[in-house]
Structures are given as structure tokens and as C-alpha cells.
Amino acid sequence: MSLANIFNIAGSAMSAQTIRLNTTASNMANADSVSSSVDQTYRARKPVFELQAPTQEQMTDIGTGLLPGQGVNVTGIVESQAPLRTEYNPSHPLADEKGYVHYPNVNVVEEMADMISASRSFQINAEIMNTAKQMVQRALTLGQ
């Protein structure tokens, strides 16, 4: 694996964690939104990650000829199928005809843990890129 691959892999991971942070922030921003309809209620969203397969040029003759994943892709963002929170509050202006108000299925504690995890993953990949940069700089000074 060349050092250029390290930058590509860490960069793809940082991009994926940015999307994860954005979806988590969106979930937290909508955690207390209210709706009078189950269909219109916000649902928590999560990104789906997939390892990038190596390209044909990256294939080797060693063993099976397969390299491990060469980064990460976000293949999509899915909505949670967890049940929504409903509350009986007939005096609420957005209550439905039966007096129920519908809240999103966002667990704020889970979202905070997810945000911390994504933030640390981003920081680790930034540190990997910084270390690889230092290695390249030191390798360039070897010839002096």
C-alpha cells in the first residue's frame, strides 16, 4: 500500500463521518418537532456505509489477489423504522382528530453517542493524514 492510498482511504473516511455528523445533527434538530399525522412526522435517519472495493489496478498476485477495502462509501441514508412517540394531548394545536400528537423516533442520548463517535473517528482520520504527511516529509529529507 502506498502513502497515496493512505490519503485516499482517510479522506473517504472523513467524508463519510461528515455525512454521519450531518445526519446526527439533523436528527437532534428535529427531535422535538411535532406533527398531527404519522406520515408527516420526522423519522430518524442513519447513513449506510460500505467498504470501497479495490480497483483492478490495485489487485495483487498475492494469495487470492484481493486487497482489503480501500476506503468507505456512503451508499445511502435510511429512515429508522422504530415506532414514533405518540402523546395524548387534545389541547395541543397539532393534535389529530383523536387528540394525539406525534413525535419523532429520535433518541437524543443515542444521537449524542453517535455524534461523539463520528467526531472522534473524523479526528483519528485527520491524525492519520497528518502522520502520513510527516512520513512523506521525512522521507524527502533522507536524500539531503
N, C-alpha and C. Protein backbone atom coordinates (compact mmCIF):
# COMPACT_ATOMS: atom_id res chain seq x y z
N MET A 1 0.85 -1.18 0.00
CA MET A 1 0.00 0.00 0.00
C MET A 1 0.89 1.23 0.00
N SER A 2 0.67 2.12 -0.92
CA SER A 2 1.46 3.34 -0.98
C SER A 2 0.87 4.40 -0.05
N LEU A 3 1.68 5.43 0.19
CA LEU A 3 1.21 6.51 1.05
C LEU A 3 0.05 7.26 0.41
N ALA A 4 0.00 7.29 -0.92
CA ALA A 4 -1.13 7.95 -1.60
C ALA A 4 -2.43 7.26 -1.24
N ASN A 5 -2.42 5.94 -1.10
CA ASN A 5 -3.63 5.22 -0.71
C ASN A 5 -4.08 5.62 0.69
N ILE A 6 -3.13 5.88 1.56
CA ILE A 6 -3.49 6.28 2.93
C ILE A 6 -4.30 7.56 2.90
N PHE A 7 -3.87 8.52 2.08
CA PHE A 7 -4.61 9.79 1.99
C PHE A 7 -6.01 9.56 1.41
N ASN A 8 -6.13 8.70 0.42
CA ASN A 8 -7.44 8.41 -0.18
C ASN A 8 -8.37 7.71 0.81
N ILE A 9 -7.83 6.73 1.53
CA ILE A 9 -8.65 5.98 2.49
C ILE A 9 -9.10 6.88 3.63
N ALA A 10 -8.15 7.63 4.22
CA ALA A 10 -8.51 8.52 5.33
C ALA A 10 -9.46 9.62 4.86
N GLY A 11 -9.26 10.11 3.64
CA GLY A 11 -10.15 11.14 3.10
C GLY A 11 -11.57 10.63 2.91
N SER A 12 -11.70 9.39 2.42
CA SER A 12 -13.04 8.83 2.24
C SER A 12 -13.71 8.61 3.59
N ALA A 13 -12.93 8.22 4.59
CA ALA A 13 -13.49 8.03 5.93
C ALA A 13 -13.93 9.36 6.54
N MET A 14 -13.14 10.41 6.31
CA MET A 14 -13.52 11.73 6.83
C MET A 14 -14.80 12.23 6.16
N SER A 15 -14.92 11.98 4.87
CA SER A 15 -16.14 12.37 4.15
C SER A 15 -17.36 11.61 4.69
N ALA A 16 -17.18 10.32 4.93
CA ALA A 16 -18.29 9.51 5.46
C ALA A 16 -18.69 9.97 6.86
N GLN A 17 -17.70 10.30 7.69
CA GLN A 17 -18.01 10.75 9.05
C GLN A 17 -18.67 12.13 9.04
N THR A 18 -18.35 12.95 8.04
CA THR A 18 -19.02 14.24 7.91
C THR A 18 -20.51 14.04 7.62
N ILE A 19 -20.81 13.10 6.74
CA ILE A 19 -22.22 12.79 6.44
C ILE A 19 -22.90 12.25 7.69
N ARG A 20 -22.20 11.40 8.44
CA ARG A 20 -22.76 10.85 9.69
C ARG A 20 -23.04 11.97 10.68
N LEU A 21 -22.12 12.93 10.81
CA LEU A 21 -22.34 14.07 11.71
C LEU A 21 -23.53 14.92 11.26
N ASN A 22 -23.67 15.12 9.95
CA ASN A 22 -24.78 15.91 9.42
C ASN A 22 -26.13 15.24 9.69
N THR A 23 -26.21 13.93 9.50
CA THR A 23 -27.48 13.25 9.75
C THR A 23 -27.80 13.24 11.24
N THR A 24 -26.77 13.09 12.07
CA THR A 24 -27.00 13.14 13.52
C THR A 24 -27.48 14.52 13.94
N ALA A 25 -26.87 15.56 13.40
CA ALA A 25 -27.30 16.93 13.72
C ALA A 25 -28.73 17.17 13.27
N SER A 26 -29.09 16.65 12.10
CA SER A 26 -30.47 16.78 11.61
C SER A 26 -31.44 16.06 12.53
N ASN A 27 -31.06 14.87 12.98
CA ASN A 27 -31.92 14.12 13.90
C ASN A 27 -32.13 14.89 15.19
N MET A 28 -31.05 15.44 15.74
CA MET A 28 -31.17 16.17 17.00
C MET A 28 -31.97 17.46 16.84
N ALA A 29 -31.82 18.11 15.70
CA ALA A 29 -32.56 19.35 15.46
C ALA A 29 -34.05 19.09 15.35
N ASN A 30 -34.44 17.90 14.90
CA ASN A 30 -35.85 17.57 14.72
C ASN A 30 -36.41 16.69 15.84
N ALA A 31 -35.65 16.49 16.90
CA ALA A 31 -36.06 15.57 17.97
C ALA A 31 -37.37 15.99 18.64
N ASP A 32 -37.62 17.28 18.72
CA ASP A 32 -38.83 17.74 19.40
C ASP A 32 -39.88 18.30 18.45
N SER A 33 -39.73 18.03 17.17
CA SER A 33 -40.74 18.51 16.23
C SER A 33 -42.03 17.71 16.41
N VAL A 34 -43.13 18.35 16.17
CA VAL A 34 -44.44 17.77 16.43
C VAL A 34 -45.22 17.70 15.12
N SER A 35 -46.04 16.66 15.02
CA SER A 35 -46.88 16.52 13.83
C SER A 35 -48.24 15.96 14.23
N SER A 36 -49.22 16.25 13.41
CA SER A 36 -50.56 15.72 13.67
C SER A 36 -50.81 14.45 12.87
N SER A 37 -49.85 14.06 12.05
CA SER A 37 -50.01 12.88 11.20
C SER A 37 -48.78 11.98 11.32
N VAL A 38 -49.01 10.69 11.35
CA VAL A 38 -47.90 9.73 11.42
C VAL A 38 -47.06 9.84 10.15
N ASP A 39 -47.69 10.05 9.01
CA ASP A 39 -46.97 10.12 7.74
C ASP A 39 -46.08 11.35 7.61
N GLN A 40 -46.43 12.44 8.29
CA GLN A 40 -45.67 13.67 8.19
C GLN A 40 -44.63 13.82 9.29
N THR A 41 -44.58 12.91 10.24
CA THR A 41 -43.65 13.00 11.36
C THR A 41 -42.25 12.66 10.91
N TYR A 42 -41.30 13.46 11.39
CA TYR A 42 -39.89 13.23 11.07
C TYR A 42 -39.45 11.89 11.63
N ARG A 43 -38.66 11.15 10.88
CA ARG A 43 -38.09 9.87 11.32
C ARG A 43 -36.57 9.99 11.33
N ALA A 44 -35.96 9.39 12.34
CA ALA A 44 -34.50 9.42 12.46
C ALA A 44 -33.87 8.83 11.21
N ARG A 45 -32.75 9.41 10.81
CA ARG A 45 -32.04 8.95 9.61
C ARG A 45 -30.63 8.50 9.99
N LYS A 46 -30.16 7.46 9.30
CA LYS A 46 -28.82 6.92 9.52
C LYS A 46 -28.16 6.66 8.17
N PRO A 47 -26.87 7.02 8.04
CA PRO A 47 -26.16 6.70 6.79
C PRO A 47 -25.78 5.23 6.75
N VAL A 48 -25.69 4.69 5.55
CA VAL A 48 -25.27 3.30 5.35
C VAL A 48 -23.89 3.33 4.71
N PHE A 49 -22.91 2.71 5.39
CA PHE A 49 -21.54 2.68 4.92
C PHE A 49 -21.25 1.37 4.20
N GLU A 50 -20.33 1.44 3.24
CA GLU A 50 -19.90 0.25 2.52
C GLU A 50 -18.42 0.41 2.20
N LEU A 51 -17.66 -0.66 2.38
CA LEU A 51 -16.24 -0.62 2.03
C LEU A 51 -16.09 -0.47 0.53
N GLN A 52 -15.14 0.38 0.11
CA GLN A 52 -14.84 0.51 -1.31
C GLN A 52 -14.03 -0.70 -1.73
N ALA A 53 -14.44 -1.34 -2.79
CA ALA A 53 -13.68 -2.47 -3.33
C ALA A 53 -12.44 -1.94 -4.05
N PRO A 54 -11.36 -2.69 -4.01
CA PRO A 54 -10.17 -2.23 -4.74
C PRO A 54 -10.42 -2.23 -6.24
N THR A 55 -9.79 -1.31 -6.94
CA THR A 55 -9.91 -1.26 -8.38
C THR A 55 -9.04 -2.35 -9.00
N GLN A 56 -9.21 -2.56 -10.28
CA GLN A 56 -8.43 -3.60 -10.97
C GLN A 56 -6.93 -3.31 -10.87
N GLU A 57 -6.55 -2.04 -10.91
CA GLU A 57 -5.14 -1.67 -10.82
C GLU A 57 -4.56 -1.97 -9.44
N GLN A 58 -5.42 -2.01 -8.43
CA GLN A 58 -4.95 -2.24 -7.06
C GLN A 58 -4.88 -3.72 -6.71
N MET A 59 -5.34 -4.57 -7.60
CA MET A 59 -5.31 -6.00 -7.34
C MET A 59 -3.86 -6.49 -7.35
N THR A 60 -3.56 -7.48 -6.53
CA THR A 60 -2.20 -8.03 -6.47
C THR A 60 -2.24 -9.51 -6.79
N ASP A 61 -1.07 -10.09 -6.97
CA ASP A 61 -0.96 -11.51 -7.26
C ASP A 61 -0.82 -12.35 -6.00
N ILE A 62 -0.78 -11.72 -4.86
CA ILE A 62 -0.57 -12.43 -3.60
C ILE A 62 -1.87 -13.09 -3.15
N GLY A 63 -1.81 -14.36 -2.78
CA GLY A 63 -2.98 -15.07 -2.26
C GLY A 63 -4.11 -15.10 -3.26
N THR A 64 -5.24 -14.61 -2.82
CA THR A 64 -6.43 -14.61 -3.69
C THR A 64 -6.41 -13.45 -4.66
N GLY A 65 -5.46 -12.53 -4.47
CA GLY A 65 -5.39 -11.38 -5.36
C GLY A 65 -6.27 -10.24 -4.91
N LEU A 66 -6.84 -10.33 -3.71
CA LEU A 66 -7.73 -9.29 -3.23
C LEU A 66 -7.06 -8.48 -2.13
N LEU A 67 -7.22 -7.21 -2.20
CA LEU A 67 -6.77 -6.33 -1.13
C LEU A 67 -7.94 -6.05 -0.20
N PRO A 68 -7.67 -5.66 1.03
CA PRO A 68 -8.79 -5.25 1.89
C PRO A 68 -9.43 -3.98 1.33
N GLY A 69 -10.51 -3.56 1.94
CA GLY A 69 -11.22 -2.38 1.48
C GLY A 69 -10.29 -1.19 1.31
N GLN A 70 -10.57 -0.36 0.34
CA GLN A 70 -9.74 0.79 0.02
C GLN A 70 -10.42 2.10 0.41
N GLY A 71 -11.20 2.10 1.43
CA GLY A 71 -11.90 3.29 1.88
C GLY A 71 -13.35 2.94 2.17
N VAL A 72 -14.15 3.97 2.28
CA VAL A 72 -15.55 3.77 2.61
C VAL A 72 -16.42 4.68 1.74
N ASN A 73 -17.56 4.16 1.35
CA ASN A 73 -18.57 4.92 0.61
C ASN A 73 -19.83 5.00 1.44
N VAL A 74 -20.56 6.07 1.28
CA VAL A 74 -21.90 6.17 1.86
C VAL A 74 -22.86 5.79 0.73
N THR A 75 -23.50 4.63 0.88
CA THR A 75 -24.38 4.14 -0.19
C THR A 75 -25.78 4.72 -0.11
N GLY A 76 -26.13 5.30 1.02
CA GLY A 76 -27.46 5.89 1.15
C GLY A 76 -27.74 6.30 2.58
N ILE A 77 -28.89 6.90 2.76
CA ILE A 77 -29.35 7.29 4.10
C ILE A 77 -30.73 6.69 4.26
N VAL A 78 -30.90 5.90 5.33
CA VAL A 78 -32.17 5.21 5.56
C VAL A 78 -32.89 5.82 6.75
N GLU A 79 -34.21 5.75 6.71
CA GLU A 79 -35.03 6.22 7.83
C GLU A 79 -35.26 5.08 8.80
N SER A 80 -35.24 5.40 10.06
CA SER A 80 -35.48 4.41 11.10
C SER A 80 -36.92 3.93 11.05
N GLN A 81 -37.12 2.64 11.26
CA GLN A 81 -38.46 2.08 11.29
C GLN A 81 -38.97 1.89 12.72
N ALA A 82 -38.24 2.42 13.69
CA ALA A 82 -38.68 2.35 15.08
C ALA A 82 -40.02 3.09 15.22
N PRO A 83 -40.83 2.66 16.17
CA PRO A 83 -42.13 3.33 16.32
C PRO A 83 -41.98 4.78 16.78
N LEU A 84 -42.90 5.61 16.31
CA LEU A 84 -42.92 7.01 16.71
C LEU A 84 -43.45 7.15 18.13
N ARG A 85 -43.11 8.25 18.77
CA ARG A 85 -43.67 8.53 20.08
C ARG A 85 -45.00 9.26 19.87
N THR A 86 -46.03 8.79 20.54
CA THR A 86 -47.31 9.48 20.48
C THR A 86 -47.70 9.91 21.89
N GLU A 87 -48.36 11.02 21.96
CA GLU A 87 -48.76 11.57 23.26
C GLU A 87 -50.20 12.06 23.14
N TYR A 88 -50.98 11.72 24.12
CA TYR A 88 -52.38 12.18 24.13
C TYR A 88 -52.40 13.59 24.72
N ASN A 89 -52.74 14.54 23.88
CA ASN A 89 -52.78 15.94 24.29
C ASN A 89 -53.81 16.65 23.42
N PRO A 90 -55.09 16.47 23.71
CA PRO A 90 -56.14 17.03 22.85
C PRO A 90 -56.15 18.55 22.77
N SER A 91 -55.50 19.24 23.72
CA SER A 91 -55.48 20.70 23.69
C SER A 91 -54.35 21.26 22.82
N HIS A 92 -53.48 20.39 22.34
CA HIS A 92 -52.37 20.85 21.50
C HIS A 92 -52.91 21.25 20.13
N PRO A 93 -52.41 22.36 19.57
CA PRO A 93 -52.93 22.82 18.27
C PRO A 93 -52.69 21.84 17.12
N LEU A 94 -51.69 20.96 17.25
CA LEU A 94 -51.41 20.00 16.19
C LEU A 94 -51.93 18.60 16.49
N ALA A 95 -52.80 18.48 17.47
CA ALA A 95 -53.37 17.17 17.80
C ALA A 95 -54.27 16.70 16.67
N ASP A 96 -54.25 15.38 16.41
CA ASP A 96 -55.12 14.84 15.37
C ASP A 96 -56.54 14.73 15.90
N GLU A 97 -57.45 14.17 15.09
CA GLU A 97 -58.87 14.11 15.46
C GLU A 97 -59.11 13.27 16.71
N LYS A 98 -58.18 12.37 17.05
CA LYS A 98 -58.31 11.55 18.26
C LYS A 98 -57.61 12.18 19.46
N GLY A 99 -56.94 13.32 19.26
CA GLY A 99 -56.29 14.03 20.35
C GLY A 99 -54.82 13.66 20.54
N TYR A 100 -54.24 12.94 19.60
CA TYR A 100 -52.84 12.51 19.73
C TYR A 100 -51.90 13.42 18.94
N VAL A 101 -50.73 13.65 19.53
CA VAL A 101 -49.65 14.39 18.89
C VAL A 101 -48.53 13.39 18.65
N HIS A 102 -47.89 13.46 17.49
CA HIS A 102 -46.85 12.50 17.13
C HIS A 102 -45.48 13.17 17.15
N TYR A 103 -44.55 12.50 17.82
CA TYR A 103 -43.18 12.98 17.94
C TYR A 103 -42.24 12.02 17.20
N PRO A 104 -41.08 12.51 16.74
CA PRO A 104 -40.13 11.66 16.02
C PRO A 104 -39.60 10.52 16.88
N ASN A 105 -39.05 9.52 16.22
CA ASN A 105 -38.46 8.37 16.90
C ASN A 105 -36.96 8.59 17.14
N VAL A 106 -36.60 9.79 17.52
CA VAL A 106 -35.20 10.16 17.74
C VAL A 106 -34.88 10.00 19.22
N ASN A 107 -33.85 9.21 19.51
CA ASN A 107 -33.34 9.04 20.87
C ASN A 107 -32.14 9.98 21.01
N VAL A 108 -32.30 11.05 21.77
CA VAL A 108 -31.27 12.09 21.87
C VAL A 108 -29.98 11.55 22.48
N VAL A 109 -30.08 10.66 23.45
CA VAL A 109 -28.90 10.09 24.08
C VAL A 109 -28.11 9.25 23.06
N GLU A 110 -28.82 8.46 22.29
CA GLU A 110 -28.18 7.66 21.24
C GLU A 110 -27.54 8.55 20.18
N GLU A 111 -28.20 9.63 19.84
CA GLU A 111 -27.66 10.56 18.85
C GLU A 111 -26.41 11.26 19.37
N MET A 112 -26.38 11.61 20.64
CA MET A 112 -25.18 12.23 21.22
C MET A 112 -24.01 11.27 21.19
N ALA A 113 -24.26 10.00 21.53
CA ALA A 113 -23.20 9.00 21.48
C ALA A 113 -22.71 8.81 20.05
N ASP A 114 -23.63 8.82 19.10
CA ASP A 114 -23.27 8.70 17.69
C ASP A 114 -22.45 9.90 17.23
N MET A 115 -22.80 11.08 17.70
CA MET A 115 -22.09 12.30 17.34
C MET A 115 -20.66 12.27 17.89
N ILE A 116 -20.51 11.83 19.12
CA ILE A 116 -19.17 11.74 19.73
C ILE A 116 -18.33 10.72 18.96
N SER A 117 -18.92 9.58 18.62
CA SER A 117 -18.21 8.55 17.87
C SER A 117 -17.78 9.04 16.49
N ALA A 118 -18.67 9.72 15.79
CA ALA A 118 -18.33 10.24 14.46
C ALA A 118 -17.26 11.31 14.55
N SER A 119 -17.35 12.17 15.54
CA SER A 119 -16.36 13.22 15.73
C SER A 119 -14.98 12.64 16.02
N ARG A 120 -14.92 11.63 16.87
CA ARG A 120 -13.63 11.00 17.18
C ARG A 120 -13.08 10.25 15.98
N SER A 121 -13.94 9.60 15.22
CA SER A 121 -13.49 8.92 14.01
C SER A 121 -12.90 9.91 13.01
N PHE A 122 -13.55 11.07 12.88
CA PHE A 122 -13.04 12.11 11.99
C PHE A 122 -11.67 12.58 12.47
N GLN A 123 -11.54 12.83 13.78
CA GLN A 123 -10.27 13.29 14.35
C GLN A 123 -9.16 12.26 14.14
N ILE A 124 -9.47 11.00 14.30
CA ILE A 124 -8.47 9.94 14.12
C ILE A 124 -7.99 9.91 12.68
N ASN A 125 -8.90 10.03 11.73
CA ASN A 125 -8.51 10.02 10.33
C ASN A 125 -7.72 11.26 9.95
N ALA A 126 -8.03 12.39 10.56
CA ALA A 126 -7.24 13.60 10.33
C ALA A 126 -5.82 13.40 10.87
N GLU A 127 -5.70 12.75 12.00
CA GLU A 127 -4.39 12.47 12.58
C GLU A 127 -3.61 11.47 11.72
N ILE A 128 -4.30 10.50 11.13
CA ILE A 128 -3.65 9.55 10.22
C ILE A 128 -3.07 10.30 9.02
N MET A 129 -3.84 11.23 8.48
CA MET A 129 -3.36 12.01 7.33
C MET A 129 -2.16 12.86 7.73
N ASN A 130 -2.20 13.44 8.91
CA ASN A 130 -1.09 14.25 9.39
C ASN A 130 0.16 13.41 9.57
N THR A 131 0.03 12.21 10.12
CA THR A 131 1.17 11.32 10.32
C THR A 131 1.76 10.88 8.98
N ALA A 132 0.89 10.56 8.03
CA ALA A 132 1.37 10.18 6.70
C ALA A 132 2.10 11.33 6.03
N LYS A 133 1.60 12.55 6.21
CA LYS A 133 2.26 13.73 5.65
C LYS A 133 3.65 13.90 6.26
N GLN A 134 3.76 13.71 7.56
CA GLN A 134 5.06 13.81 8.23
C GLN A 134 6.02 12.74 7.72
N MET A 135 5.51 11.53 7.47
CA MET A 135 6.35 10.46 6.94
C MET A 135 6.88 10.82 5.55
N VAL A 136 6.04 11.39 4.72
CA VAL A 136 6.46 11.79 3.38
C VAL A 136 7.51 12.90 3.49
N GLN A 137 7.30 13.86 4.36
CA GLN A 137 8.26 14.95 4.53
C GLN A 137 9.61 14.42 5.02
N ARG A 138 9.59 13.48 5.95
CA ARG A 138 10.85 12.92 6.45
C ARG A 138 11.54 12.08 5.39
N ALA A 139 10.77 11.38 4.58
CA ALA A 139 11.36 10.59 3.51
C ALA A 139 12.05 11.49 2.49
N LEU A 140 11.47 12.66 2.24
CA LEU A 140 12.08 13.61 1.30
C LEU A 140 13.38 14.19 1.83
N THR A 141 13.52 14.27 3.14
CA THR A 141 14.75 14.83 3.72
C THR A 141 15.86 13.79 3.82
N LEU A 142 15.56 12.52 3.59
CA LEU A 142 16.58 11.48 3.68
C LEU A 142 17.67 11.66 2.63
N GLY A 143 17.34 12.17 1.49
CA GLY A 143 18.32 12.35 0.41
C GLY A 143 19.20 13.57 0.58
N GLN A 144 18.99 14.37 1.57
CA GLN A 144 19.77 15.60 1.75
C GLN A 144 21.08 15.34 2.45
